[in-house]
Structure formats: C-alpha cells, structure tokens
Amino acid sequence: MEPLIIFLLFVHVISAVFLVGSSIFVWIVVWPVSSLSFENERMRTRFMSLMGKKYAFFTNLSILLLTVTGLLLIYIIRPLYFTDFSQAMGTSWGPTLTIKVVTVGVMYGILYGNNLWHGKKFPLLAEEGKFDLLKQMRKIAHVLSFITVGLMVLIVLEAEILAGVFF
C-alpha cells in the first residue's frame, strides 16, 4: 500500500473513531449525567451549551478531515467513481459506496440542521425561564441526535463492508 493511502486511511479512521466514539459517549454518559448533576435547569443548559461549543470545534474538525480524506481515498482507490459513475455502479463496490455517501450526506444534514435549529435557542430559553418550551424542543433535538448517532454507526458498518471485512 502506498504511504499516502496509509496516511489518509489513518487520519480517516482516527477522525471516525473520535466522531462516533465521542458522540456515543455524549449520548450515553454526558447528557444523562447532566440531568442528574444539575437540579437547576438553567445551570444544566449552560453546562451543556458550554460543553457543546467546545465539543463542536473538534466535531467539525473531525467531519472536515473525514470528508476530505474520504473523497481523496475514493479518488485514489476508486477513480472510476468520479470519472464514470454509471460504470462504477456496475461494480461490486459502487452501490455500497453510493449508499455510504448518501448516508453520510443525510447524517451531515440532520447533525447540522439540528445544531442550527436548537443551538442558540436552548440557552436563551433557559435564561428566560421558559423551561416547558425548552423541554419540548429538547425532546425533538434528542430524537434527531439519536438518529444522527445511529447513522454514524451505520456508516461504520458500511465502511466495514466496503473494506471487505465481511466478505
């Protein structure tokens, strides 16, 4: 294997491990513990907002690295996907790669749509003391976050299939 491919694959896998692992950690550990640790909803929301801002930098960095390295790896290893898409779809890997690309696009859309929709609203609602509305919005945001994490896990499975782990 060429050193460039090894390097790109290494950066891709490390970025995926961070994104998926930390997302699961936030979902399973941080979010539930925040509701147990803060009796005051305003303080809990402030904590989650501050944590989210710090976490967002590294999440966005890992997503940027995943996107760039993913596209470069496709271009280097499977150039047919870019040069003749219809012929690539006739290969054993073309449909699976397309499903993965679409899954990634859907995951990005839900992730960033959810963050744009509620990111600034939650702290404002908490500061204004509108906790009933905050709880309603949080339920929707949690469902979207859960779907995002599920899509991340699905993308890892799709990557394993593309890498030939199962076949």
Protein backbone atom coordinates (compact mmCIF):
# COMPACT_ATOMS: atom_id res chain seq x y z
CA MET A 1 0.00 0.00 0.00
CA GLU A 2 1.25 3.45 -0.82
CA PRO A 3 2.33 5.70 2.08
CA LEU A 4 -0.19 8.37 1.03
CA ILE A 5 -3.08 5.90 1.17
CA ILE A 6 -1.90 4.61 4.56
CA PHE A 7 -1.67 8.18 5.89
CA LEU A 8 -5.11 9.17 4.54
CA LEU A 9 -6.67 5.99 5.87
CA PHE A 10 -5.08 6.54 9.28
CA VAL A 11 -6.41 10.12 9.51
CA HIS A 12 -9.82 8.92 8.28
CA VAL A 13 -10.08 6.13 10.84
CA ILE A 14 -8.83 8.28 13.77
CA SER A 15 -11.33 11.00 12.83
CA ALA A 16 -14.14 8.43 12.61
CA VAL A 17 -13.19 6.92 15.96
CA PHE A 18 -13.30 10.37 17.56
CA LEU A 19 -16.58 11.43 15.94
CA VAL A 20 -18.50 8.22 16.53
CA GLY A 21 -16.97 7.37 19.91
CA SER A 22 -17.36 10.83 21.39
CA SER A 23 -20.92 11.13 20.06
CA ILE A 24 -21.88 7.87 21.72
CA PHE A 25 -20.12 8.98 24.92
CA VAL A 26 -22.02 12.28 24.99
CA TRP A 27 -25.30 10.48 24.34
CA ILE A 28 -24.82 7.67 26.87
CA VAL A 29 -22.82 9.43 29.60
CA VAL A 30 -22.70 13.24 29.45
CA TRP A 31 -26.33 14.00 28.66
CA PRO A 32 -27.85 11.66 31.30
CA VAL A 33 -25.33 12.71 33.96
CA SER A 34 -26.02 16.38 33.27
CA SER A 35 -29.65 15.90 34.27
CA LEU A 36 -28.58 14.14 37.48
CA SER A 37 -25.84 16.65 38.34
CA PHE A 38 -27.75 19.90 37.94
CA GLU A 39 -31.02 20.41 39.76
CA ASN A 40 -31.22 23.90 38.28
CA GLU A 41 -32.30 23.62 34.62
CA ARG A 42 -30.65 26.94 33.80
CA MET A 43 -27.26 25.67 35.04
CA ARG A 44 -27.66 22.34 33.26
CA THR A 45 -28.43 24.09 29.99
CA ARG A 46 -25.47 26.43 30.48
CA PHE A 47 -23.17 23.47 31.11
CA MET A 48 -24.42 21.60 28.03
CA SER A 49 -24.11 24.75 25.89
CA LEU A 50 -20.54 25.40 27.01
CA MET A 51 -19.60 21.76 26.60
CA GLY A 52 -21.28 21.74 23.19
CA LYS A 53 -19.34 24.77 21.98
CA LYS A 54 -16.02 23.19 22.96
CA TYR A 55 -17.06 19.82 21.53
CA ALA A 56 -18.28 21.42 18.28
CA PHE A 57 -14.79 22.58 17.33
CA PHE A 58 -13.41 19.04 17.47
CA THR A 59 -16.52 17.54 15.88
CA ASN A 60 -16.32 19.99 12.98
CA LEU A 61 -12.59 19.30 12.60
CA SER A 62 -13.17 15.55 12.51
CA ILE A 63 -16.01 15.96 9.99
CA LEU A 64 -13.80 18.13 7.79
CA LEU A 65 -10.99 15.56 7.97
CA LEU A 66 -13.41 12.68 7.29
CA THR A 67 -14.86 14.44 4.26
CA VAL A 68 -11.53 15.42 2.74
CA THR A 69 -9.81 12.10 3.39
CA GLY A 70 -12.88 10.14 2.30
CA LEU A 71 -13.10 11.95 -1.02
CA LEU A 72 -9.33 11.64 -1.57
CA LEU A 73 -9.41 7.92 -0.81
CA ILE A 74 -12.26 7.38 -3.26
CA TYR A 75 -10.40 9.42 -5.89
CA ILE A 76 -7.15 7.49 -5.39
CA ILE A 77 -8.50 3.97 -4.85
CA ARG A 78 -11.72 4.07 -6.91
CA PRO A 79 -11.26 6.88 -9.50
CA LEU A 80 -13.93 5.26 -11.67
CA TYR A 81 -16.49 6.57 -9.16
CA PHE A 82 -15.68 10.13 -10.27
CA THR A 83 -14.82 9.52 -13.92
CA ASP A 84 -17.64 7.12 -14.93
CA PHE A 85 -20.29 6.86 -12.25
CA SER A 86 -22.62 4.61 -14.25
CA GLN A 87 -19.82 2.10 -14.85
CA ALA A 88 -18.85 2.29 -11.15
CA MET A 89 -22.44 1.40 -10.26
CA GLY A 90 -21.97 -1.86 -12.16
CA THR A 91 -19.12 -2.94 -9.90
CA SER A 92 -19.39 -4.90 -6.67
CA TRP A 93 -18.43 -1.82 -4.63
CA GLY A 94 -20.25 1.02 -6.48
CA PRO A 95 -23.74 0.64 -5.00
CA THR A 96 -22.38 0.18 -1.46
CA LEU A 97 -20.17 3.25 -1.79
CA THR A 98 -23.13 5.26 -3.09
CA ILE A 99 -25.26 4.14 -0.15
CA LYS A 100 -22.45 5.20 2.19
CA VAL A 101 -22.09 8.61 0.52
CA VAL A 102 -25.87 9.19 0.76
CA THR A 103 -25.93 8.04 4.40
CA VAL A 104 -23.09 10.45 5.20
CA GLY A 105 -24.97 13.29 3.47
CA VAL A 106 -28.16 12.56 5.40
CA MET A 107 -26.22 12.34 8.67
CA TYR A 108 -24.48 15.69 7.99
CA GLY A 109 -27.84 17.28 7.16
CA ILE A 110 -29.53 16.08 10.34
CA LEU A 111 -26.48 16.87 12.51
CA TYR A 112 -26.03 20.43 11.28
CA GLY A 113 -29.75 21.09 10.85
CA ASN A 114 -30.38 20.05 14.44
CA ASN A 115 -27.49 22.16 15.72
CA LEU A 116 -28.56 25.23 13.75
CA TRP A 117 -32.16 24.80 14.83
CA HIS A 118 -31.61 24.49 18.57
CA GLY A 119 -28.03 25.61 19.22
CA LYS A 120 -28.73 29.20 20.21
CA LYS A 121 -32.34 28.70 21.27
CA PHE A 122 -31.68 26.43 24.25
CA PRO A 123 -29.52 28.87 26.25
CA LEU A 124 -31.93 31.74 25.51
CA LEU A 125 -34.96 29.73 26.63
CA ALA A 126 -33.14 28.70 29.81
CA GLU A 127 -32.14 32.28 30.60
CA GLU A 128 -35.72 33.43 30.00
CA GLY A 129 -37.01 30.66 32.27
CA LYS A 130 -39.14 29.05 29.54
CA PHE A 131 -38.45 25.54 30.74
CA ASP A 132 -41.61 23.90 29.37
CA LEU A 133 -40.79 25.03 25.83
CA LEU A 134 -37.16 24.06 26.41
CA LYS A 135 -38.19 20.52 27.38
CA GLN A 136 -40.41 20.20 24.29
CA MET A 137 -37.64 21.36 21.98
CA ARG A 138 -35.08 19.19 23.75
CA LYS A 139 -37.19 16.06 23.11
CA ILE A 140 -37.14 16.74 19.37
CA ALA A 141 -33.42 17.55 19.42
CA HIS A 142 -32.69 14.32 21.30
CA VAL A 143 -34.58 12.23 18.75
CA LEU A 144 -32.60 13.89 15.96
CA SER A 145 -29.34 13.37 17.87
CA PHE A 146 -30.19 9.71 18.40
CA ILE A 147 -30.87 9.31 14.67
CA THR A 148 -27.54 11.01 13.91
CA VAL A 149 -25.63 8.62 16.18
CA GLY A 150 -27.48 5.67 14.64
CA LEU A 151 -26.46 6.87 11.17
CA MET A 152 -22.85 7.17 12.34
CA VAL A 153 -22.90 3.54 13.44
CA LEU A 154 -24.49 2.56 10.11
CA ILE A 155 -21.73 4.43 8.24
CA VAL A 156 -19.10 2.46 10.18
CA LEU A 157 -20.85 -0.76 9.13
CA GLU A 158 -20.92 0.41 5.51
CA ALA A 159 -17.20 1.20 5.72
CA GLU A 160 -16.50 -2.30 7.04
CA ILE A 161 -18.44 -3.81 4.14
CA LEU A 162 -16.51 -1.65 1.66
CA ALA A 163 -13.23 -2.70 3.28
CA GLY A 164 -14.15 -6.34 2.82
CA VAL A 165 -14.42 -7.19 6.49
CA PHE A 166 -17.49 -9.36 5.98
CA PHE A 167 -16.78 -10.76 2.52
